[in-house]
Amino acid sequence: MDAEAPPLAGVLETALYVADMARARAFYEGKLGLTPMFTDERLTAYPVGGRSALLVFLRGSTTETVHLPGGTIPPHDGHGPLHCALSVAAADLPAWQARLEAAGIAIEGRTDWPPRGGKASISLYFRDPDGHLLELATPGLWPVW
């Protein structure tokens, strides 16, 4: 392609697929403190950071085209442990670690990253009930954060 692509404004949605929606909601709402902005039997959507959404789909519920009054959503699904990183302020990381530990959520890993975006960053890794690897990352991990 010769033409320059128009700019992208960001990642709007990140999707995870779960086996049990009630269990997933108990985790994301009860343990991580997220509040849904939309729910139905196949999807719970959580606002994250004011500019993006974490979509939690019931695995297998999105394998057919969804027909809406305004158009269609093509099929999609996911299997196996996926990864999602959530950005947090460096000053909030100790409180997050304490919250996870108090909730009985094992911290599987911690990485002290060298400066990439001008300062060192820290990542904490843990899993949701479906085995997805979640990461809390402080600024500096990437030049964009």
N, C-alpha and C. Protein backbone atom coordinates (compact mmCIF):
# COMPACT_ATOMS: atom_id res chain seq x y z
N MET A 1 0.83 -1.18 0.00
CA MET A 1 0.00 0.00 0.00
C MET A 1 0.87 1.24 0.00
N ASP A 2 0.55 2.15 -0.85
CA ASP A 2 1.33 3.37 -0.96
C ASP A 2 0.79 4.50 -0.10
N ALA A 3 -0.52 4.55 0.07
CA ALA A 3 -1.12 5.65 0.82
C ALA A 3 -0.89 5.46 2.32
N GLU A 4 -0.62 6.56 3.01
CA GLU A 4 -0.43 6.50 4.46
C GLU A 4 -1.77 6.26 5.14
N ALA A 5 -1.77 5.37 6.11
CA ALA A 5 -3.01 5.05 6.83
C ALA A 5 -3.43 6.21 7.70
N PRO A 6 -4.73 6.48 7.79
CA PRO A 6 -5.19 7.50 8.73
C PRO A 6 -4.84 7.06 10.16
N PRO A 7 -4.69 7.98 11.08
CA PRO A 7 -4.30 7.61 12.45
C PRO A 7 -5.40 6.85 13.19
N LEU A 8 -4.99 5.95 14.06
CA LEU A 8 -5.91 5.29 14.98
C LEU A 8 -5.91 6.07 16.28
N ALA A 9 -7.05 6.16 16.94
CA ALA A 9 -7.18 6.97 18.14
C ALA A 9 -6.93 6.18 19.42
N GLY A 10 -6.89 4.86 19.34
CA GLY A 10 -6.66 4.05 20.54
C GLY A 10 -7.30 2.68 20.40
N VAL A 11 -7.14 1.88 21.43
CA VAL A 11 -7.82 0.59 21.50
C VAL A 11 -9.08 0.82 22.32
N LEU A 12 -10.22 0.68 21.71
CA LEU A 12 -11.49 0.96 22.37
C LEU A 12 -11.97 -0.20 23.22
N GLU A 13 -11.85 -1.42 22.70
CA GLU A 13 -12.35 -2.60 23.41
C GLU A 13 -11.30 -3.69 23.46
N THR A 14 -11.28 -4.39 24.57
CA THR A 14 -10.51 -5.62 24.73
C THR A 14 -11.50 -6.67 25.19
N ALA A 15 -11.48 -7.85 24.55
CA ALA A 15 -12.46 -8.88 24.87
C ALA A 15 -11.81 -10.10 25.50
N LEU A 16 -12.46 -10.61 26.54
CA LEU A 16 -12.12 -11.88 27.15
C LEU A 16 -13.35 -12.77 27.08
N TYR A 17 -13.14 -14.07 27.02
CA TYR A 17 -14.23 -15.03 26.90
C TYR A 17 -14.20 -15.95 28.11
N VAL A 18 -15.37 -16.11 28.75
CA VAL A 18 -15.43 -16.82 30.02
C VAL A 18 -16.45 -17.97 29.95
N ALA A 19 -16.27 -18.95 30.81
CA ALA A 19 -17.15 -20.11 30.86
C ALA A 19 -18.40 -19.86 31.69
N ASP A 20 -18.33 -18.96 32.67
CA ASP A 20 -19.43 -18.74 33.60
C ASP A 20 -19.53 -17.24 33.85
N MET A 21 -20.58 -16.61 33.31
CA MET A 21 -20.71 -15.16 33.41
C MET A 21 -20.90 -14.70 34.84
N ALA A 22 -21.69 -15.42 35.63
CA ALA A 22 -21.91 -15.00 37.03
C ALA A 22 -20.59 -15.04 37.80
N ARG A 23 -19.79 -16.06 37.59
CA ARG A 23 -18.49 -16.16 38.26
C ARG A 23 -17.57 -15.04 37.81
N ALA A 24 -17.57 -14.75 36.50
CA ALA A 24 -16.73 -13.67 35.97
C ALA A 24 -17.15 -12.32 36.54
N ARG A 25 -18.46 -12.08 36.60
CA ARG A 25 -18.94 -10.80 37.15
C ARG A 25 -18.58 -10.68 38.62
N ALA A 26 -18.68 -11.76 39.36
CA ALA A 26 -18.30 -11.72 40.77
C ALA A 26 -16.83 -11.33 40.91
N PHE A 27 -15.99 -11.82 40.02
CA PHE A 27 -14.56 -11.49 40.06
C PHE A 27 -14.31 -10.04 39.65
N TYR A 28 -14.77 -9.65 38.47
CA TYR A 28 -14.46 -8.33 37.95
C TYR A 28 -15.13 -7.21 38.75
N GLU A 29 -16.31 -7.47 39.27
CA GLU A 29 -17.00 -6.46 40.06
C GLU A 29 -16.61 -6.54 41.53
N GLY A 30 -16.61 -7.75 42.10
CA GLY A 30 -16.32 -7.90 43.52
C GLY A 30 -14.86 -7.77 43.87
N LYS A 31 -13.99 -8.34 43.06
CA LYS A 31 -12.55 -8.32 43.36
C LYS A 31 -11.82 -7.11 42.77
N LEU A 32 -12.17 -6.74 41.52
CA LEU A 32 -11.48 -5.61 40.88
C LEU A 32 -12.25 -4.30 41.00
N GLY A 33 -13.50 -4.35 41.47
CA GLY A 33 -14.25 -3.13 41.71
C GLY A 33 -14.80 -2.45 40.46
N LEU A 34 -14.89 -3.18 39.35
CA LEU A 34 -15.44 -2.59 38.13
C LEU A 34 -16.96 -2.54 38.20
N THR A 35 -17.54 -1.56 37.54
CA THR A 35 -18.99 -1.40 37.48
C THR A 35 -19.42 -1.54 36.03
N PRO A 36 -20.33 -2.47 35.72
CA PRO A 36 -20.71 -2.66 34.32
C PRO A 36 -21.47 -1.46 33.76
N MET A 37 -21.24 -1.19 32.47
CA MET A 37 -22.01 -0.16 31.76
C MET A 37 -23.05 -0.81 30.87
N PHE A 38 -22.94 -2.14 30.66
CA PHE A 38 -23.92 -2.88 29.88
C PHE A 38 -23.81 -4.35 30.27
N THR A 39 -24.96 -5.00 30.39
CA THR A 39 -24.98 -6.44 30.64
C THR A 39 -26.16 -7.06 29.91
N ASP A 40 -25.95 -8.27 29.43
CA ASP A 40 -27.02 -9.14 29.00
C ASP A 40 -26.53 -10.57 29.22
N GLU A 41 -27.22 -11.55 28.71
CA GLU A 41 -26.85 -12.94 29.00
C GLU A 41 -25.52 -13.36 28.37
N ARG A 42 -25.05 -12.65 27.35
CA ARG A 42 -23.82 -13.05 26.68
C ARG A 42 -22.65 -12.09 26.87
N LEU A 43 -22.90 -10.91 27.42
CA LEU A 43 -21.86 -9.87 27.49
C LEU A 43 -22.01 -9.02 28.74
N THR A 44 -20.87 -8.72 29.36
CA THR A 44 -20.79 -7.66 30.36
C THR A 44 -19.67 -6.73 29.89
N ALA A 45 -19.99 -5.44 29.80
CA ALA A 45 -19.03 -4.44 29.35
C ALA A 45 -18.68 -3.52 30.51
N TYR A 46 -17.39 -3.37 30.76
CA TYR A 46 -16.90 -2.52 31.85
C TYR A 46 -16.11 -1.34 31.29
N PRO A 47 -16.39 -0.12 31.76
CA PRO A 47 -15.55 1.01 31.37
C PRO A 47 -14.22 0.93 32.12
N VAL A 48 -13.15 1.25 31.41
CA VAL A 48 -11.82 1.22 32.03
C VAL A 48 -11.07 2.50 31.63
N GLY A 49 -10.74 3.29 32.61
CA GLY A 49 -9.89 4.46 32.37
C GLY A 49 -10.55 5.59 31.60
N GLY A 50 -11.84 5.54 31.37
CA GLY A 50 -12.51 6.63 30.70
C GLY A 50 -12.44 6.63 29.19
N ARG A 51 -11.61 5.75 28.60
CA ARG A 51 -11.48 5.74 27.13
C ARG A 51 -11.55 4.36 26.53
N SER A 52 -11.69 3.33 27.34
CA SER A 52 -11.73 1.98 26.78
C SER A 52 -12.71 1.11 27.56
N ALA A 53 -13.00 -0.05 26.98
CA ALA A 53 -13.94 -0.97 27.60
C ALA A 53 -13.35 -2.37 27.64
N LEU A 54 -13.56 -3.04 28.75
CA LEU A 54 -13.23 -4.45 28.87
C LEU A 54 -14.52 -5.21 28.64
N LEU A 55 -14.58 -6.00 27.57
CA LEU A 55 -15.77 -6.78 27.24
C LEU A 55 -15.55 -8.22 27.70
N VAL A 56 -16.47 -8.72 28.50
CA VAL A 56 -16.41 -10.09 28.98
C VAL A 56 -17.59 -10.83 28.35
N PHE A 57 -17.27 -11.73 27.41
CA PHE A 57 -18.29 -12.49 26.69
C PHE A 57 -18.38 -13.90 27.25
N LEU A 58 -19.57 -14.44 27.27
CA LEU A 58 -19.76 -15.84 27.59
C LEU A 58 -19.24 -16.66 26.41
N ARG A 59 -18.26 -17.51 26.68
CA ARG A 59 -17.63 -18.30 25.62
C ARG A 59 -18.69 -19.07 24.83
N GLY A 60 -18.60 -19.03 23.52
CA GLY A 60 -19.52 -19.73 22.64
C GLY A 60 -20.79 -18.98 22.32
N SER A 61 -21.01 -17.83 22.97
CA SER A 61 -22.27 -17.09 22.76
C SER A 61 -22.20 -16.09 21.60
N THR A 62 -21.03 -15.98 20.99
CA THR A 62 -20.86 -14.99 19.93
C THR A 62 -20.40 -15.63 18.62
N THR A 63 -20.70 -16.92 18.45
CA THR A 63 -20.23 -17.63 17.27
C THR A 63 -21.18 -17.52 16.08
N GLU A 64 -22.30 -16.83 16.27
CA GLU A 64 -23.24 -16.57 15.18
C GLU A 64 -23.31 -15.06 14.96
N THR A 65 -23.60 -14.65 13.75
CA THR A 65 -23.77 -13.23 13.45
C THR A 65 -24.91 -12.66 14.29
N VAL A 66 -24.65 -11.51 14.91
CA VAL A 66 -25.68 -10.82 15.68
C VAL A 66 -26.31 -9.77 14.77
N HIS A 67 -27.64 -9.82 14.66
CA HIS A 67 -28.38 -8.87 13.83
C HIS A 67 -29.01 -7.81 14.73
N LEU A 68 -28.66 -6.57 14.48
CA LEU A 68 -29.17 -5.43 15.24
C LEU A 68 -29.95 -4.53 14.29
N PRO A 69 -30.78 -3.63 14.81
CA PRO A 69 -31.50 -2.72 13.92
C PRO A 69 -30.57 -1.90 13.03
N GLY A 70 -29.37 -1.59 13.52
CA GLY A 70 -28.44 -0.77 12.75
C GLY A 70 -27.43 -1.54 11.93
N GLY A 71 -27.44 -2.87 11.97
CA GLY A 71 -26.47 -3.63 11.21
C GLY A 71 -26.18 -4.98 11.84
N THR A 72 -25.01 -5.51 11.57
CA THR A 72 -24.64 -6.83 12.07
C THR A 72 -23.27 -6.81 12.72
N ILE A 73 -23.07 -7.73 13.65
CA ILE A 73 -21.76 -7.95 14.27
C ILE A 73 -21.32 -9.35 13.86
N PRO A 74 -20.19 -9.48 13.15
CA PRO A 74 -19.73 -10.79 12.73
C PRO A 74 -19.37 -11.68 13.93
N PRO A 75 -19.37 -12.99 13.73
CA PRO A 75 -19.04 -13.91 14.81
C PRO A 75 -17.59 -13.77 15.28
N HIS A 76 -17.38 -14.06 16.56
CA HIS A 76 -16.05 -14.08 17.16
C HIS A 76 -16.12 -14.93 18.41
N ASP A 77 -14.98 -15.36 18.89
CA ASP A 77 -14.91 -16.16 20.11
C ASP A 77 -13.44 -16.31 20.46
N GLY A 78 -13.15 -16.79 21.64
CA GLY A 78 -11.77 -17.01 22.05
C GLY A 78 -11.68 -18.20 22.98
N HIS A 79 -10.57 -18.89 22.90
CA HIS A 79 -10.35 -20.06 23.75
C HIS A 79 -8.95 -20.01 24.34
N GLY A 80 -8.81 -20.61 25.48
CA GLY A 80 -7.50 -20.65 26.13
C GLY A 80 -7.24 -19.39 26.92
N PRO A 81 -6.17 -19.40 27.70
CA PRO A 81 -5.84 -18.25 28.53
C PRO A 81 -5.34 -17.08 27.69
N LEU A 82 -6.05 -15.97 27.75
CA LEU A 82 -5.67 -14.75 27.03
C LEU A 82 -4.99 -13.81 28.01
N HIS A 83 -4.45 -12.70 27.49
CA HIS A 83 -3.73 -11.73 28.31
C HIS A 83 -4.33 -10.35 28.11
N CYS A 84 -4.42 -9.61 29.21
CA CYS A 84 -4.91 -8.24 29.18
C CYS A 84 -4.14 -7.45 30.24
N ALA A 85 -3.60 -6.29 29.85
CA ALA A 85 -2.91 -5.43 30.81
C ALA A 85 -3.77 -4.21 31.09
N LEU A 86 -3.90 -3.89 32.36
CA LEU A 86 -4.64 -2.72 32.81
C LEU A 86 -3.64 -1.72 33.39
N SER A 87 -3.76 -0.48 33.00
CA SER A 87 -2.81 0.53 33.47
C SER A 87 -3.27 1.10 34.81
N VAL A 88 -2.30 1.28 35.70
CA VAL A 88 -2.56 1.86 37.02
C VAL A 88 -1.46 2.87 37.33
N ALA A 89 -1.79 3.84 38.14
CA ALA A 89 -0.78 4.81 38.59
C ALA A 89 0.23 4.10 39.48
N ALA A 90 1.48 4.50 39.40
CA ALA A 90 2.52 3.88 40.21
C ALA A 90 2.20 3.97 41.70
N ALA A 91 1.63 5.09 42.12
CA ALA A 91 1.30 5.27 43.53
C ALA A 91 0.19 4.33 44.00
N ASP A 92 -0.62 3.82 43.06
CA ASP A 92 -1.73 2.93 43.41
C ASP A 92 -1.34 1.46 43.41
N LEU A 93 -0.17 1.12 42.88
CA LEU A 93 0.20 -0.29 42.77
C LEU A 93 0.25 -1.01 44.12
N PRO A 94 0.83 -0.43 45.18
CA PRO A 94 0.80 -1.14 46.47
C PRO A 94 -0.62 -1.41 46.98
N ALA A 95 -1.53 -0.48 46.78
CA ALA A 95 -2.92 -0.69 47.21
C ALA A 95 -3.56 -1.79 46.38
N TRP A 96 -3.26 -1.84 45.10
CA TRP A 96 -3.78 -2.93 44.26
C TRP A 96 -3.23 -4.27 44.71
N GLN A 97 -1.95 -4.32 44.99
CA GLN A 97 -1.37 -5.59 45.44
C GLN A 97 -2.02 -6.03 46.75
N ALA A 98 -2.22 -5.11 47.67
CA ALA A 98 -2.87 -5.44 48.94
C ALA A 98 -4.31 -5.90 48.71
N ARG A 99 -5.02 -5.25 47.80
CA ARG A 99 -6.41 -5.64 47.50
C ARG A 99 -6.46 -7.06 46.94
N LEU A 100 -5.59 -7.35 45.99
CA LEU A 100 -5.56 -8.70 45.40
C LEU A 100 -5.24 -9.75 46.45
N GLU A 101 -4.23 -9.49 47.25
CA GLU A 101 -3.84 -10.45 48.29
C GLU A 101 -4.96 -10.64 49.30
N ALA A 102 -5.64 -9.56 49.70
CA ALA A 102 -6.75 -9.66 50.66
C ALA A 102 -7.91 -10.46 50.08
N ALA A 103 -8.06 -10.43 48.75
CA ALA A 103 -9.13 -11.18 48.08
C ALA A 103 -8.72 -12.63 47.80
N GLY A 104 -7.50 -13.00 48.21
CA GLY A 104 -7.04 -14.37 47.98
C GLY A 104 -6.59 -14.63 46.55
N ILE A 105 -6.27 -13.57 45.81
CA ILE A 105 -5.82 -13.70 44.43
C ILE A 105 -4.29 -13.76 44.43
N ALA A 106 -3.75 -14.85 43.95
CA ALA A 106 -2.30 -15.04 43.94
C ALA A 106 -1.63 -14.12 42.91
N ILE A 107 -0.57 -13.46 43.33
CA ILE A 107 0.28 -12.71 42.40
C ILE A 107 1.23 -13.74 41.80
N GLU A 108 1.09 -13.99 40.50
CA GLU A 108 1.91 -15.02 39.84
C GLU A 108 3.27 -14.50 39.41
N GLY A 109 3.37 -13.20 39.23
CA GLY A 109 4.64 -12.66 38.79
C GLY A 109 4.69 -11.17 39.02
N ARG A 110 5.91 -10.68 39.11
CA ARG A 110 6.18 -9.24 39.21
C ARG A 110 7.40 -8.98 38.36
N THR A 111 7.32 -7.94 37.53
CA THR A 111 8.46 -7.56 36.70
C THR A 111 8.75 -6.09 36.92
N ASP A 112 10.01 -5.80 37.22
CA ASP A 112 10.49 -4.42 37.29
C ASP A 112 11.14 -4.14 35.93
N TRP A 113 10.44 -3.38 35.11
CA TRP A 113 10.89 -3.12 33.74
C TRP A 113 11.92 -1.99 33.70
N PRO A 114 12.90 -2.08 32.80
CA PRO A 114 13.80 -0.95 32.59
C PRO A 114 13.04 0.20 31.92
N PRO A 115 13.54 1.40 32.02
CA PRO A 115 12.84 2.53 31.41
C PRO A 115 12.67 2.34 29.90
N ARG A 116 11.44 2.43 29.43
CA ARG A 116 11.14 2.41 28.00
C ARG A 116 10.49 3.71 27.58
N GLY A 117 9.68 4.24 28.47
CA GLY A 117 8.96 5.48 28.17
C GLY A 117 9.48 6.63 28.99
N GLY A 118 10.72 6.54 29.46
CA GLY A 118 11.31 7.62 30.24
C GLY A 118 11.47 7.29 31.71
N LYS A 119 10.76 6.27 32.20
CA LYS A 119 10.89 5.88 33.60
C LYS A 119 10.67 4.38 33.73
N ALA A 120 11.17 3.81 34.81
CA ALA A 120 11.00 2.38 35.05
C ALA A 120 9.53 2.10 35.36
N SER A 121 9.10 0.89 35.07
CA SER A 121 7.72 0.48 35.28
C SER A 121 7.70 -0.84 36.02
N ILE A 122 6.57 -1.13 36.66
CA ILE A 122 6.38 -2.39 37.36
C ILE A 122 5.09 -3.02 36.86
N SER A 123 5.12 -4.34 36.67
CA SER A 123 3.92 -5.10 36.31
C SER A 123 3.68 -6.17 37.35
N LEU A 124 2.42 -6.31 37.76
CA LEU A 124 1.98 -7.42 38.60
C LEU A 124 1.06 -8.29 37.76
N TYR A 125 1.23 -9.61 37.86
CA TYR A 125 0.45 -10.56 37.06
C TYR A 125 -0.38 -11.46 37.97
N PHE A 126 -1.63 -11.69 37.57
CA PHE A 126 -2.53 -12.58 38.30
C PHE A 126 -3.56 -13.11 37.32
N ARG A 127 -4.38 -14.06 37.76
CA ARG A 127 -5.35 -14.68 36.85
C ARG A 127 -6.78 -14.47 37.31
N ASP A 128 -7.68 -14.44 36.34
CA ASP A 128 -9.11 -14.43 36.65
C ASP A 128 -9.57 -15.88 36.78
N PRO A 129 -10.82 -16.13 37.15
CA PRO A 129 -11.29 -17.50 37.35
C PRO A 129 -11.24 -18.38 36.10
N ASP A 130 -11.15 -17.77 34.89
CA ASP A 130 -11.06 -18.55 33.66
C ASP A 130 -9.62 -18.76 33.21
N GLY A 131 -8.66 -18.35 34.01
CA GLY A 131 -7.26 -18.56 33.69
C GLY A 131 -6.64 -17.48 32.83
N HIS A 132 -7.38 -16.41 32.52
CA HIS A 132 -6.79 -15.32 31.75
C HIS A 132 -5.74 -14.61 32.59
N LEU A 133 -4.61 -14.30 31.97
CA LEU A 133 -3.53 -13.60 32.65
C LEU A 133 -3.80 -12.11 32.61
N LEU A 134 -4.03 -11.52 33.77
CA LEU A 134 -4.25 -10.09 33.88
C LEU A 134 -2.99 -9.44 34.43
N GLU A 135 -2.74 -8.25 33.99
CA GLU A 135 -1.54 -7.51 34.38
C GLU A 135 -1.95 -6.11 34.83
N LEU A 136 -1.38 -5.66 35.91
CA LEU A 136 -1.48 -4.26 36.31
C LEU A 136 -0.12 -3.65 36.02
N ALA A 137 -0.09 -2.62 35.17
CA ALA A 137 1.18 -2.03 34.73
C ALA A 137 1.21 -0.54 35.05
N THR A 138 2.33 -0.09 35.60
CA THR A 138 2.51 1.32 35.91
C THR A 138 3.11 2.05 34.72
N PRO A 139 3.02 3.39 34.70
CA PRO A 139 3.56 4.16 33.57
C PRO A 139 5.04 3.87 33.33
N GLY A 140 5.40 3.89 32.05
CA GLY A 140 6.78 3.67 31.63
C GLY A 140 6.97 2.34 30.95
N LEU A 141 6.01 1.43 31.05
CA LEU A 141 6.15 0.13 30.40
C LEU A 141 6.35 0.27 28.91
N TRP A 142 5.55 1.12 28.30
CA TRP A 142 5.67 1.43 26.87
C TRP A 142 5.75 2.95 26.74
N PRO A 143 6.34 3.44 25.67
CA PRO A 143 6.39 4.89 25.49
C PRO A 143 5.03 5.57 25.50
N VAL A 144 3.96 4.80 25.20
CA VAL A 144 2.62 5.37 25.19
C VAL A 144 1.97 5.38 26.57
N TRP A 145 2.59 4.74 27.56
CA TRP A 145 2.05 4.73 28.94
C TRP A 145 3.18 4.84 29.92
